[in-house]
Amino acid sequence: MKREELLERLNIYKKEIYRRAYILFFAILLPVIIVFIGIGMQYNIVGYGLWATIVYFASFVLIMSGIVWCFVRMVTKSIPKKIGLLCPKCNAPIIKNNVEKFMKTGVCEFCKEQILKN
């Protein structure tokens, strides 16, 4: 693989990660916020005071952010394989740890094979 090809694949990888993250974020968070507002109105959370409402909302958003983060992690595991950012010898992701180090050396960190060609 040449450096130009790697840079092109890394750009595709970055765009795909952001695209999937935004889709998952809005697909999960917006309906949940609507449900949260409905539950809050149904049980009159605001009637308990400002601090109770803030704590309820903050804990709900924190939990939902964690769930969204887990979904994003599950979805992004398959992207390096789809784009072709795997070592041809050991099938390990070449962008796993340090992309800058890989760009300088061109060597797979796992099997020590030279992947990048000048």
PDB file of N, CA and C in Angstrom:
ATOM      1  N   MET A   1       0.844  -1.174   0.000  1.00  0.00           N
ATOM      2  CA  MET A   1       0.000   0.000   0.000  1.00  0.00           C
ATOM      3  C   MET A   1       0.892   1.240   0.000  1.00  0.00           C
ATOM      4  N   LYS A   2       0.540   2.225  -0.784  1.00  0.00           N
ATOM      5  CA  LYS A   2       1.307   3.461  -0.842  1.00  0.00           C
ATOM      6  C   LYS A   2       0.739   4.466   0.151  1.00  0.00           C
ATOM      7  N   ARG A   3       1.561   5.459   0.492  1.00  0.00           N
ATOM      8  CA  ARG A   3       1.149   6.468   1.473  1.00  0.00           C
ATOM      9  C   ARG A   3      -0.083   7.247   1.025  1.00  0.00           C
ATOM     10  N   GLU A   4      -0.159   7.579  -0.241  1.00  0.00           N
ATOM     11  CA  GLU A   4      -1.311   8.325  -0.754  1.00  0.00           C
ATOM     12  C   GLU A   4      -2.595   7.513  -0.594  1.00  0.00           C
ATOM     13  N   GLU A   5      -2.495   6.221  -0.872  1.00  0.00           N
ATOM     14  CA  GLU A   5      -3.650   5.341  -0.735  1.00  0.00           C
ATOM     15  C   GLU A   5      -4.070   5.235   0.735  1.00  0.00           C
ATOM     16  N   LEU A   6      -3.076   5.152   1.627  1.00  0.00           N
ATOM     17  CA  LEU A   6      -3.383   5.092   3.054  1.00  0.00           C
ATOM     18  C   LEU A   6      -4.071   6.370   3.513  1.00  0.00           C
ATOM     19  N   LEU A   7      -3.564   7.524   3.081  1.00  0.00           N
ATOM     20  CA  LEU A   7      -4.187   8.786   3.474  1.00  0.00           C
ATOM     21  C   LEU A   7      -5.620   8.882   2.954  1.00  0.00           C
ATOM     22  N   GLU A   8      -5.850   8.401   1.762  1.00  0.00           N
ATOM     23  CA  GLU A   8      -7.202   8.408   1.204  1.00  0.00           C
ATOM     24  C   GLU A   8      -8.120   7.510   2.028  1.00  0.00           C
ATOM     25  N   ARG A   9      -7.622   6.337   2.388  1.00  0.00           N
ATOM     26  CA  ARG A   9      -8.424   5.421   3.206  1.00  0.00           C
ATOM     27  C   ARG A   9      -8.678   5.987   4.600  1.00  0.00           C
ATOM     28  N   LEU A  10      -7.690   6.676   5.165  1.00  0.00           N
ATOM     29  CA  LEU A  10      -7.881   7.287   6.479  1.00  0.00           C
ATOM     30  C   LEU A  10      -8.936   8.385   6.426  1.00  0.00           C
ATOM     31  N   ASN A  11      -8.972   9.148   5.345  1.00  0.00           N
ATOM     32  CA  ASN A  11     -10.012  10.168   5.192  1.00  0.00           C
ATOM     33  C   ASN A  11     -11.395   9.529   5.078  1.00  0.00           C
ATOM     34  N   ILE A  12     -11.499   8.449   4.337  1.00  0.00           N
ATOM     35  CA  ILE A  12     -12.768   7.721   4.218  1.00  0.00           C
ATOM     36  C   ILE A  12     -13.177   7.185   5.584  1.00  0.00           C
ATOM     37  N   TYR A  13     -12.211   6.655   6.326  1.00  0.00           N
ATOM     38  CA  TYR A  13     -12.464   6.124   7.663  1.00  0.00           C
ATOM     39  C   TYR A  13     -13.016   7.209   8.583  1.00  0.00           C
ATOM     40  N   LYS A  14     -12.377   8.359   8.569  1.00  0.00           N
ATOM     41  CA  LYS A  14     -12.801   9.468   9.430  1.00  0.00           C
ATOM     42  C   LYS A  14     -14.219   9.927   9.075  1.00  0.00           C
ATOM     43  N   LYS A  15     -14.501  10.069   7.792  1.00  0.00           N
ATOM     44  CA  LYS A  15     -15.839  10.489   7.357  1.00  0.00           C
ATOM     45  C   LYS A  15     -16.894   9.458   7.757  1.00  0.00           C
ATOM     46  N   GLU A  16     -16.565   8.184   7.607  1.00  0.00           N
ATOM     47  CA  GLU A  16     -17.517   7.124   7.950  1.00  0.00           C
ATOM     48  C   GLU A  16     -17.788   7.092   9.451  1.00  0.00           C
ATOM     49  N   ILE A  17     -16.748   7.291  10.252  1.00  0.00           N
ATOM     50  CA  ILE A  17     -16.927   7.319  11.704  1.00  0.00           C
ATOM     51  C   ILE A  17     -17.868   8.462  12.095  1.00  0.00           C
ATOM     52  N   TYR A  18     -17.600   9.655  11.579  1.00  0.00           N
ATOM     53  CA  TYR A  18     -18.448  10.797  11.917  1.00  0.00           C
ATOM     54  C   TYR A  18     -19.876  10.597  11.421  1.00  0.00           C
ATOM     55  N   ARG A  19     -20.033  10.075  10.237  1.00  0.00           N
ATOM     56  CA  ARG A  19     -21.371   9.862   9.688  1.00  0.00           C
ATOM     57  C   ARG A  19     -22.166   8.895  10.556  1.00  0.00           C
ATOM     58  N   ARG A  20     -21.551   7.783  10.909  1.00  0.00           N
ATOM     59  CA  ARG A  20     -22.249   6.798  11.736  1.00  0.00           C
ATOM     60  C   ARG A  20     -22.535   7.330  13.134  1.00  0.00           C
ATOM     61  N   ALA A  21     -21.600   8.085  13.674  1.00  0.00           N
ATOM     62  CA  ALA A  21     -21.801   8.632  15.015  1.00  0.00           C
ATOM     63  C   ALA A  21     -22.969   9.613  15.029  1.00  0.00           C
ATOM     64  N   TYR A  22     -23.045  10.490  14.046  1.00  0.00           N
ATOM     65  CA  TYR A  22     -24.149  11.445  13.996  1.00  0.00           C
ATOM     66  C   TYR A  22     -25.486  10.746  13.790  1.00  0.00           C
ATOM     67  N   ILE A  23     -25.510   9.772  12.914  1.00  0.00           N
ATOM     68  CA  ILE A  23     -26.756   9.042  12.682  1.00  0.00           C
ATOM     69  C   ILE A  23     -27.228   8.363  13.962  1.00  0.00           C
ATOM     70  N   LEU A  24     -26.328   7.665  14.633  1.00  0.00           N
ATOM     71  CA  LEU A  24     -26.711   6.981  15.872  1.00  0.00           C
ATOM     72  C   LEU A  24     -27.098   7.966  16.964  1.00  0.00           C
ATOM     73  N   PHE A  25     -26.350   9.048  17.057  1.00  0.00           N
ATOM     74  CA  PHE A  25     -26.627  10.025  18.104  1.00  0.00           C
ATOM     75  C   PHE A  25     -28.035  10.588  17.963  1.00  0.00           C
ATOM     76  N   PHE A  26     -28.379  11.038  16.769  1.00  0.00           N
ATOM     77  CA  PHE A  26     -29.695  11.638  16.578  1.00  0.00           C
ATOM     78  C   PHE A  26     -30.810  10.595  16.537  1.00  0.00           C
ATOM     79  N   ALA A  27     -30.510   9.407  16.039  1.00  0.00           N
ATOM     80  CA  ALA A  27     -31.526   8.365  15.975  1.00  0.00           C
ATOM     81  C   ALA A  27     -31.920   7.854  17.354  1.00  0.00           C
ATOM     82  N   ILE A  28     -31.010   7.929  18.301  1.00  0.00           N
ATOM     83  CA  ILE A  28     -31.297   7.435  19.645  1.00  0.00           C
ATOM     84  C   ILE A  28     -31.661   8.567  20.598  1.00  0.00           C
ATOM     85  N   LEU A  29     -30.932   9.646  20.551  1.00  0.00           N
ATOM     86  CA  LEU A  29     -31.095  10.689  21.561  1.00  0.00           C
ATOM     87  C   LEU A  29     -32.368  11.507  21.386  1.00  0.00           C
ATOM     88  N   LEU A  30     -32.731  11.853  20.172  1.00  0.00           N
ATOM     89  CA  LEU A  30     -33.912  12.686  19.990  1.00  0.00           C
ATOM     90  C   LEU A  30     -35.207  12.010  20.453  1.00  0.00           C
ATOM     91  N   PRO A  31     -35.474  10.772  20.051  1.00  0.00           N
ATOM     92  CA  PRO A  31     -36.691  10.135  20.583  1.00  0.00           C
ATOM     93  C   PRO A  31     -36.660   9.967  22.102  1.00  0.00           C
ATOM     94  N   VAL A  32     -35.482   9.719  22.646  1.00  0.00           N
ATOM     95  CA  VAL A  32     -35.374   9.539  24.089  1.00  0.00           C
ATOM     96  C   VAL A  32     -35.665  10.852  24.816  1.00  0.00           C
ATOM     97  N   ILE A  33     -35.191  11.963  24.287  1.00  0.00           N
ATOM     98  CA  ILE A  33     -35.476  13.253  24.906  1.00  0.00           C
ATOM     99  C   ILE A  33     -36.971  13.544  24.843  1.00  0.00           C
ATOM    100  N   ILE A  34     -37.600  13.184  23.750  1.00  0.00           N
ATOM    101  CA  ILE A  34     -39.046  13.370  23.650  1.00  0.00           C
ATOM    102  C   ILE A  34     -39.766  12.527  24.701  1.00  0.00           C
ATOM    103  N   VAL A  35     -39.321  11.289  24.882  1.00  0.00           N
ATOM    104  CA  VAL A  35     -39.906  10.430  25.909  1.00  0.00           C
ATOM    105  C   VAL A  35     -39.633  11.013  27.290  1.00  0.00           C
ATOM    106  N   PHE A  36     -38.423  11.516  27.516  1.00  0.00           N
ATOM    107  CA  PHE A  36     -38.073  12.125  28.791  1.00  0.00           C
ATOM    108  C   PHE A  36     -38.999  13.297  29.115  1.00  0.00           C
ATOM    109  N   ILE A  37     -39.238  14.152  28.137  1.00  0.00           N
ATOM    110  CA  ILE A  37     -40.120  15.295  28.355  1.00  0.00           C
ATOM    111  C   ILE A  37     -41.531  14.810  28.659  1.00  0.00           C
ATOM    112  N   GLY A  38     -41.981  13.797  27.940  1.00  0.00           N
ATOM    113  CA  GLY A  38     -43.308  13.245  28.204  1.00  0.00           C
ATOM    114  C   GLY A  38     -43.432  12.663  29.598  1.00  0.00           C
ATOM    115  N   ILE A  39     -42.407  11.910  30.046  1.00  0.00           N
ATOM    116  CA  ILE A  39     -42.423  11.343  31.395  1.00  0.00           C
ATOM    117  C   ILE A  39     -42.389  12.459  32.428  1.00  0.00           C
ATOM    118  N   GLY A  40     -41.543  13.466  32.172  1.00  0.00           N
ATOM    119  CA  GLY A  40     -41.464  14.587  33.108  1.00  0.00           C
ATOM    120  C   GLY A  40     -42.781  15.315  33.235  1.00  0.00           C
ATOM    121  N   MET A  41     -43.484  15.482  32.137  1.00  0.00           N
ATOM    122  CA  MET A  41     -44.778  16.164  32.191  1.00  0.00           C
ATOM    123  C   MET A  41     -45.839  15.270  32.838  1.00  0.00           C
ATOM    124  N   GLN A  42     -45.760  13.980  32.574  1.00  0.00           N
ATOM    125  CA  GLN A  42     -46.750  13.051  33.128  1.00  0.00           C
ATOM    126  C   GLN A  42     -46.655  12.989  34.648  1.00  0.00           C
ATOM    127  N   TYR A  43     -45.449  12.897  35.171  1.00  0.00           N
ATOM    128  CA  TYR A  43     -45.277  12.740  36.617  1.00  0.00           C
ATOM    129  C   TYR A  43     -44.969  14.050  37.331  1.00  0.00           C
ATOM    130  N   ASN A  44     -45.059  15.156  36.619  1.00  0.00           N
ATOM    131  CA  ASN A  44     -44.910  16.482  37.206  1.00  0.00           C
ATOM    132  C   ASN A  44     -43.583  16.635  37.953  1.00  0.00           C
ATOM    133  N   ILE A  45     -42.478  16.247  37.295  1.00  0.00           N
ATOM    134  CA  ILE A  45     -41.149  16.347  37.902  1.00  0.00           C
ATOM    135  C   ILE A  45     -40.847  17.791  38.266  1.00  0.00           C
ATOM    136  N   VAL A  46     -41.287  18.727  37.451  1.00  0.00           N
ATOM    137  CA  VAL A  46     -40.998  20.140  37.692  1.00  0.00           C
ATOM    138  C   VAL A  46     -41.596  20.579  39.019  1.00  0.00           C
ATOM    139  N   GLY A  47     -42.664  19.963  39.435  1.00  0.00           N
ATOM    140  CA  GLY A  47     -43.294  20.315  40.708  1.00  0.00           C
ATOM    141  C   GLY A  47     -42.433  20.017  41.915  1.00  0.00           C
ATOM    142  N   TYR A  48     -41.420  19.161  41.782  1.00  0.00           N
ATOM    143  CA  TYR A  48     -40.551  18.823  42.895  1.00  0.00           C
ATOM    144  C   TYR A  48     -39.447  19.853  43.115  1.00  0.00           C
ATOM    145  N   GLY A  49     -39.286  20.767  42.217  1.00  0.00           N
ATOM    146  CA  GLY A  49     -38.287  21.813  42.377  1.00  0.00           C
ATOM    147  C   GLY A  49     -37.262  21.802  41.260  1.00  0.00           C
ATOM    148  N   LEU A  50     -36.536  22.894  41.195  1.00  0.00           N
ATOM    149  CA  LEU A  50     -35.563  23.084  40.127  1.00  0.00           C
ATOM    150  C   LEU A  50     -34.413  22.090  40.220  1.00  0.00           C
ATOM    151  N   TRP A  51     -33.870  21.861  41.410  1.00  0.00           N
ATOM    152  CA  TRP A  51     -32.724  20.960  41.548  1.00  0.00           C
ATOM    153  C   TRP A  51     -33.090  19.521  41.226  1.00  0.00           C
ATOM    154  N   ALA A  52     -34.261  19.098  41.642  1.00  0.00           N
ATOM    155  CA  ALA A  52     -34.692  17.733  41.318  1.00  0.00           C
ATOM    156  C   ALA A  52     -34.832  17.567  39.813  1.00  0.00           C
ATOM    157  N   THR A  53     -35.333  18.589  39.136  1.00  0.00           N
ATOM    158  CA  THR A  53     -35.484  18.528  37.689  1.00  0.00           C
ATOM    159  C   THR A  53     -34.127  18.484  36.998  1.00  0.00           C
ATOM    160  N   ILE A  54     -33.193  19.300  37.471  1.00  0.00           N
ATOM    161  CA  ILE A  54     -31.850  19.331  36.876  1.00  0.00           C
ATOM    162  C   ILE A  54     -31.144  17.995  37.081  1.00  0.00           C
ATOM    163  N   VAL A  55     -31.222  17.443  38.275  1.00  0.00           N
ATOM    164  CA  VAL A  55     -30.573  16.158  38.557  1.00  0.00           C
ATOM    165  C   VAL A  55     -31.214  15.052  37.725  1.00  0.00           C
ATOM    166  N   TYR A  56     -32.519  15.056  37.619  1.00  0.00           N
ATOM    167  CA  TYR A  56     -33.228  14.054  36.824  1.00  0.00           C
ATOM    168  C   TYR A  56     -32.801  14.143  35.360  1.00  0.00           C
ATOM    169  N   PHE A  57     -32.792  15.336  34.823  1.00  0.00           N
ATOM    170  CA  PHE A  57     -32.415  15.530  33.427  1.00  0.00           C
ATOM    171  C   PHE A  57     -30.951  15.165  33.188  1.00  0.00           C
ATOM    172  N   ALA A  58     -30.042  15.595  34.085  1.00  0.00           N
ATOM    173  CA  ALA A  58     -28.605  15.317  33.917  1.00  0.00           C
ATOM    174  C   ALA A  58     -28.326  13.817  33.983  1.00  0.00           C
ATOM    175  N   SER A  59     -28.938  13.129  34.927  1.00  0.00           N
ATOM    176  CA  SER A  59     -28.696  11.683  35.026  1.00  0.00           C
ATOM    177  C   SER A  59     -29.257  10.953  33.813  1.00  0.00           C
ATOM    178  N   PHE A  60     -30.397  11.395  33.342  1.00  0.00           N
ATOM    179  CA  PHE A  60     -30.992  10.775  32.162  1.00  0.00           C
ATOM    180  C   PHE A  60     -30.105  10.975  30.940  1.00  0.00           C
ATOM    181  N   VAL A  61     -29.611  12.195  30.729  1.00  0.00           N
ATOM    182  CA  VAL A  61     -28.738  12.484  29.593  1.00  0.00           C
ATOM    183  C   VAL A  61     -27.429  11.708  29.705  1.00  0.00           C
ATOM    184  N   LEU A  62     -26.885  11.587  30.905  1.00  0.00           N
ATOM    185  CA  LEU A  62     -25.644  10.833  31.110  1.00  0.00           C
ATOM    186  C   LEU A  62     -25.830   9.357  30.758  1.00  0.00           C
ATOM    187  N   ILE A  63     -26.906   8.775  31.209  1.00  0.00           N
ATOM    188  CA  ILE A  63     -27.172   7.363  30.906  1.00  0.00           C
ATOM    189  C   ILE A  63     -27.376   7.164  29.408  1.00  0.00           C
ATOM    190  N   MET A  64     -28.147   8.041  28.783  1.00  0.00           N
ATOM    191  CA  MET A  64     -28.394   7.895  27.351  1.00  0.00           C
ATOM    192  C   MET A  64     -27.123   8.131  26.543  1.00  0.00           C
ATOM    193  N   SER A  65     -26.262   9.039  26.976  1.00  0.00           N
ATOM    194  CA  SER A  65     -24.987   9.250  26.287  1.00  0.00           C
ATOM    195  C   SER A  65     -24.127   7.997  26.361  1.00  0.00           C
ATOM    196  N   GLY A  66     -24.136   7.333  27.494  1.00  0.00           N
ATOM    197  CA  GLY A  66     -23.403   6.074  27.622  1.00  0.00           C
ATOM    198  C   GLY A  66     -23.926   5.000  26.702  1.00  0.00           C
ATOM    199  N   ILE A  67     -25.236   4.914  26.573  1.00  0.00           N
ATOM    200  CA  ILE A  67     -25.838   3.928  25.668  1.00  0.00           C
ATOM    201  C   ILE A  67     -25.481   4.240  24.220  1.00  0.00           C
ATOM    202  N   VAL A  68     -25.568   5.517  23.844  1.00  0.00           N
ATOM    203  CA  VAL A  68     -25.198   5.921  22.487  1.00  0.00           C
ATOM    204  C   VAL A  68     -23.734   5.605  22.228  1.00  0.00           C
ATOM    205  N   TRP A  69     -22.863   5.875  23.187  1.00  0.00           N
ATOM    206  CA  TRP A  69     -21.438   5.592  23.031  1.00  0.00           C
ATOM    207  C   TRP A  69     -21.210   4.096  22.791  1.00  0.00           C
ATOM    208  N   CYS A  70     -21.920   3.242  23.516  1.00  0.00           N
ATOM    209  CA  CYS A  70     -21.772   1.795  23.317  1.00  0.00           C
ATOM    210  C   CYS A  70     -22.209   1.376  21.916  1.00  0.00           C
ATOM    211  N   PHE A  71     -23.305   1.931  21.435  1.00  0.00           N
ATOM    212  CA  PHE A  71     -23.752   1.618  20.079  1.00  0.00           C
ATOM    213  C   PHE A  71     -22.737   2.078  19.041  1.00  0.00           C
ATOM    214  N   VAL A  72     -22.180   3.257  19.239  1.00  0.00           N
ATOM    215  CA  VAL A  72     -21.174   3.768  18.291  1.00  0.00           C
ATOM    216  C   VAL A  72     -19.954   2.851  18.282  1.00  0.00           C
ATOM    217  N   ARG A  73     -19.500   2.408  19.423  1.00  0.00           N
ATOM    218  CA  ARG A  73     -18.357   1.492  19.496  1.00  0.00           C
ATOM    219  C   ARG A  73     -18.647   0.175  18.783  1.00  0.00           C
ATOM    220  N   MET A  74     -19.862  -0.340  18.953  1.00  0.00           N
ATOM    221  CA  MET A  74     -20.218  -1.599  18.294  1.00  0.00           C
ATOM    222  C   MET A  74     -20.221  -1.432  16.774  1.00  0.00           C
ATOM    223  N   VAL A  75     -20.743  -0.319  16.293  1.00  0.00           N
ATOM    224  CA  VAL A  75     -20.849  -0.106  14.859  1.00  0.00           C
ATOM    225  C   VAL A  75     -19.484   0.147  14.230  1.00  0.00           C
ATOM    226  N   THR A  76     -18.591   0.837  14.911  1.00  0.00           N
ATOM    227  CA  THR A  76     -17.317   1.226  14.313  1.00  0.00           C
ATOM    228  C   THR A  76     -16.273   0.110  14.300  1.00  0.00           C
ATOM    229  N   LYS A  77     -16.548  -1.021  14.889  1.00  0.00           N
ATOM    230  CA  LYS A  77     -15.574  -2.118  14.861  1.00  0.00           C
ATOM    231  C   LYS A  77     -15.370  -2.678  13.451  1.00  0.00           C
ATOM    232  N   SER A  78     -16.380  -2.619  12.606  1.00  0.00           N
ATOM    233  CA  SER A  78     -16.292  -3.232  11.280  1.00  0.00           C
ATOM    234  C   SER A  78     -15.722  -2.301  10.217  1.00  0.00           C
ATOM    235  N   ILE A  79     -15.546  -1.026  10.528  1.00  0.00           N
ATOM    236  CA  ILE A  79     -15.122  -0.064   9.510  1.00  0.00           C
ATOM    237  C   ILE A  79     -13.710  -0.331   8.978  1.00  0.00           C
ATOM    238  N   PRO A  80     -12.692  -0.591   9.812  1.00  0.00           N
ATOM    239  CA  PRO A  80     -11.360  -0.841   9.235  1.00  0.00           C
ATOM    240  C   PRO A  80     -11.339  -1.999   8.240  1.00  0.00           C
ATOM    241  N   LYS A  81     -12.100  -3.026   8.502  1.00  0.00           N
ATOM    242  CA  LYS A  81     -12.150  -4.168   7.578  1.00  0.00           C
ATOM    243  C   LYS A  81     -12.827  -3.758   6.274  1.00  0.00           C
ATOM    244  N   LYS A  82     -13.900  -2.995   6.372  1.00  0.00           N
ATOM    245  CA  LYS A  82     -14.651  -2.569   5.189  1.00  0.00           C
ATOM    246  C   LYS A  82     -13.803  -1.679   4.284  1.00  0.00           C
ATOM    247  N   ILE A  83     -13.005  -0.798   4.874  1.00  0.00           N
ATOM    248  CA  ILE A  83     -12.216   0.172   4.106  1.00  0.00           C
ATOM    249  C   ILE A  83     -10.883  -0.420   3.661  1.00  0.00           C
ATOM    250  N   GLY A  84     -10.419  -1.448   4.328  1.00  0.00           N
ATOM    251  CA  GLY A  84      -9.153  -2.063   3.949  1.00  0.00           C
ATOM    252  C   GLY A  84      -7.976  -1.547   4.746  1.00  0.00           C
ATOM    253  N   LEU A  85      -8.198  -1.259   6.004  1.00  0.00           N
ATOM    254  CA  LEU A  85      -7.123  -0.783   6.871  1.00  0.00           C
ATOM    255  C   LEU A  85      -6.638  -1.896   7.792  1.00  0.00           C
ATOM    256  N   LEU A  86      -6.472  -3.073   7.219  1.00  0.00           N
ATOM    257  CA  LEU A  86      -5.979  -4.223   7.969  1.00  0.00           C
ATOM    258  C   LEU A  86      -4.637  -4.670   7.397  1.00  0.00           C
ATOM    259  N   CYS A  87      -3.813  -5.234   8.255  1.00  0.00           N
ATOM    260  CA  CYS A  87      -2.534  -5.787   7.816  1.00  0.00           C
ATOM    261  C   CYS A  87      -2.808  -7.006   6.936  1.00  0.00           C
ATOM    262  N   PRO A  88      -2.172  -7.110   5.771  1.00  0.00           N
ATOM    263  CA  PRO A  88      -2.425  -8.255   4.898  1.00  0.00           C
ATOM    264  C   PRO A  88      -1.909  -9.579   5.463  1.00  0.00           C
ATOM    265  N   LYS A  89      -0.943  -9.521   6.364  1.00  0.00           N
ATOM    266  CA  LYS A  89      -0.377 -10.756   6.901  1.00  0.00           C
ATOM    267  C   LYS A  89      -1.132 -11.255   8.139  1.00  0.00           C
ATOM    268  N   CYS A  90      -1.294 -10.379   9.140  1.00  0.00           N
ATOM    269  CA  CYS A  90      -1.882 -10.824  10.405  1.00  0.00           C
ATOM    270  C   CYS A  90      -3.332 -10.391  10.588  1.00  0.00           C
ATOM    271  N   ASN A  91      -3.877  -9.605   9.668  1.00  0.00           N
ATOM    272  CA  ASN A  91      -5.269  -9.163   9.685  1.00  0.00           C
ATOM    273  C   ASN A  91      -5.607  -8.278  10.891  1.00  0.00           C
ATOM    274  N   ALA A  92      -4.598  -7.623  11.463  1.00  0.00           N
ATOM    275  CA  ALA A  92      -4.810  -6.700  12.577  1.00  0.00           C
ATOM    276  C   ALA A  92      -5.053  -5.296  12.017  1.00  0.00           C
ATOM    277  N   PRO A  93      -5.859  -4.487  12.714  1.00  0.00           N
ATOM    278  CA  PRO A  93      -6.067  -3.116  12.227  1.00  0.00           C
ATOM    279  C   PRO A  93      -4.777  -2.302  12.328  1.00  0.00           C
ATOM    280  N   ILE A  94      -4.397  -1.661  11.233  1.00  0.00           N
ATOM    281  CA  ILE A  94      -3.131  -0.924  11.240  1.00  0.00           C
ATOM    282  C   ILE A  94      -3.276   0.444  11.890  1.00  0.00           C
ATOM    283  N   ILE A  95      -4.486   0.875  12.165  1.00  0.00           N
ATOM    284  CA  ILE A  95      -4.695   2.177  12.794  1.00  0.00           C
ATOM    285  C   ILE A  95      -5.058   2.030  14.264  1.00  0.00           C
ATOM    286  N   LYS A  96      -4.797   0.889  14.839  1.00  0.00           N
ATOM    287  CA  LYS A  96      -5.227   0.588  16.202  1.00  0.00           C
ATOM    288  C   LYS A  96      -4.652   1.562  17.225  1.00  0.00           C
ATOM    289  N   ASN A  97      -3.367   1.775  17.212  1.00  0.00           N
ATOM    290  CA  ASN A  97      -2.759   2.556  18.284  1.00  0.00           C
ATOM    291  C   ASN A  97      -2.278   3.931  17.848  1.00  0.00           C
ATOM    292  N   ASN A  98      -1.303   3.981  16.954  1.00  0.00           N
ATOM    293  CA  ASN A  98      -0.656   5.247  16.643  1.00  0.00           C
ATOM    294  C   ASN A  98      -0.487   5.392  15.130  1.00  0.00           C
ATOM    295  N   VAL A  99      -1.328   6.208  14.528  1.00  0.00           N
ATOM    296  CA  VAL A  99      -1.301   6.380  13.076  1.00  0.00           C
ATOM    297  C   VAL A  99      -0.033   7.105  12.644  1.00  0.00           C
ATOM    298  N   GLU A 100       0.391   8.109  13.430  1.00  0.00           N
ATOM    299  CA  GLU A 100       1.592   8.871  13.069  1.00  0.00           C
ATOM    300  C   GLU A 100       2.832   7.982  13.049  1.00  0.00           C
ATOM    301  N   LYS A 101       2.949   7.102  14.034  1.00  0.00           N
ATOM    302  CA  LYS A 101       4.090   6.181  14.081  1.00  0.00           C
ATOM    303  C   LYS A 101       4.045   5.227  12.879  1.00  0.00           C
ATOM    304  N   PHE A 102       2.864   4.763  12.551  1.00  0.00           N
ATOM    305  CA  PHE A 102       2.722   3.880  11.404  1.00  0.00           C
ATOM    306  C   PHE A 102       3.077   4.599  10.115  1.00  0.00           C
ATOM    307  N   MET A 103       2.698   5.861   9.988  1.00  0.00           N
ATOM    308  CA  MET A 103       3.012   6.633   8.781  1.00  0.00           C
ATOM    309  C   MET A 103       4.535   6.816   8.628  1.00  0.00           C
ATOM    310  N   LYS A 104       5.245   6.955   9.742  1.00  0.00           N
ATOM    311  CA  LYS A 104       6.708   7.129   9.678  1.00  0.00           C
ATOM    312  C   LYS A 104       7.425   5.827   9.340  1.00  0.00           C
ATOM    313  N   THR A 105       7.035   4.758  10.029  1.00  0.00           N
ATOM    314  CA  THR A 105       7.756   3.497   9.863  1.00  0.00           C
ATOM    315  C   THR A 105       7.165   2.628   8.752  1.00  0.00           C
ATOM    316  N   GLY A 106       5.830   2.576   8.663  1.00  0.00           N
ATOM    317  CA  GLY A 106       5.173   1.715   7.681  1.00  0.00           C
ATOM    318  C   GLY A 106       5.160   0.258   8.066  1.00  0.00           C
ATOM    319  N   VAL A 107       5.414  -0.026   9.346  1.00  0.00           N
ATOM    320  CA  VAL A 107       5.526  -1.399   9.836  1.00  0.00           C
ATOM    321  C   VAL A 107       4.326  -1.711  10.725  1.00  0.00           C
ATOM    322  N   CYS A 108       3.734  -2.882  10.541  1.00  0.00           N
ATOM    323  CA  CYS A 108       2.637  -3.334  11.397  1.00  0.00           C
ATOM    324  C   CYS A 108       3.168  -3.542  12.813  1.00  0.00           C
ATOM    325  N   GLU A 109       2.463  -3.024  13.801  1.00  0.00           N
ATOM    326  CA  GLU A 109       2.911  -3.148  15.189  1.00  0.00           C
ATOM    327  C   GLU A 109       2.791  -4.571  15.723  1.00  0.00           C
ATOM    328  N   PHE A 110       1.956  -5.381  15.114  1.00  0.00           N
ATOM    329  CA  PHE A 110       1.699  -6.714  15.634  1.00  0.00           C
ATOM    330  C   PHE A 110       2.635  -7.771  15.047  1.00  0.00           C
ATOM    331  N   CYS A 111       2.773  -7.783  13.706  1.00  0.00           N
ATOM    332  CA  CYS A 111       3.590  -8.818  13.063  1.00  0.00           C
ATOM    333  C   CYS A 111       4.916  -8.273  12.527  1.00  0.00           C
ATOM    334  N   LYS A 112       5.136  -6.975  12.628  1.00  0.00           N
ATOM    335  CA  LYS A 112       6.377  -6.302  12.215  1.00  0.00           C
ATOM    336  C   LYS A 112       6.662  -6.413  10.718  1.00  0.00           C
ATOM    337  N   GLU A 113       5.632  -6.585   9.910  1.00  0.00           N
ATOM    338  CA  GLU A 113       5.811  -6.642   8.468  1.00  0.00           C
ATOM    339  C   GLU A 113       5.716  -5.232   7.866  1.00  0.00           C
ATOM    340  N   GLN A 114       6.546  -4.966   6.866  1.00  0.00           N
ATOM    341  CA  GLN A 114       6.519  -3.690   6.172  1.00  0.00           C
ATOM    342  C   GLN A 114       5.286  -3.620   5.266  1.00  0.00           C
ATOM    343  N   ILE A 115       4.390  -2.685   5.540  1.00  0.00           N
ATOM    344  CA  ILE A 115       3.140  -2.580   4.788  1.00  0.00           C
ATOM    345  C   ILE A 115       3.189  -1.406   3.820  1.00  0.00           C
ATOM    346  N   LEU A 116       3.653  -0.270   4.305  1.00  0.00           N
ATOM    347  CA  LEU A 116       3.694   0.932   3.477  1.00  0.00           C
ATOM    348  C   LEU A 116       4.886   0.907   2.536  1.00  0.00           C
ATOM    349  N   LYS A 117       4.624   1.245   1.305  1.00  0.00           N
ATOM    350  CA  LYS A 117       5.695   1.360   0.324  1.00  0.00           C
ATOM    351  C   LYS A 117       5.785   2.824  -0.085  1.00  0.00           C
ATOM    352  N   ASN A 118       6.983   3.304  -0.282  1.00  0.00           N
ATOM    353  CA  ASN A 118       7.166   4.714  -0.638  1.00  0.00           C
ATOM    354  C   ASN A 118       6.749   5.029  -2.031  1.00  0.00           C
TER     355      ASN A 118
END
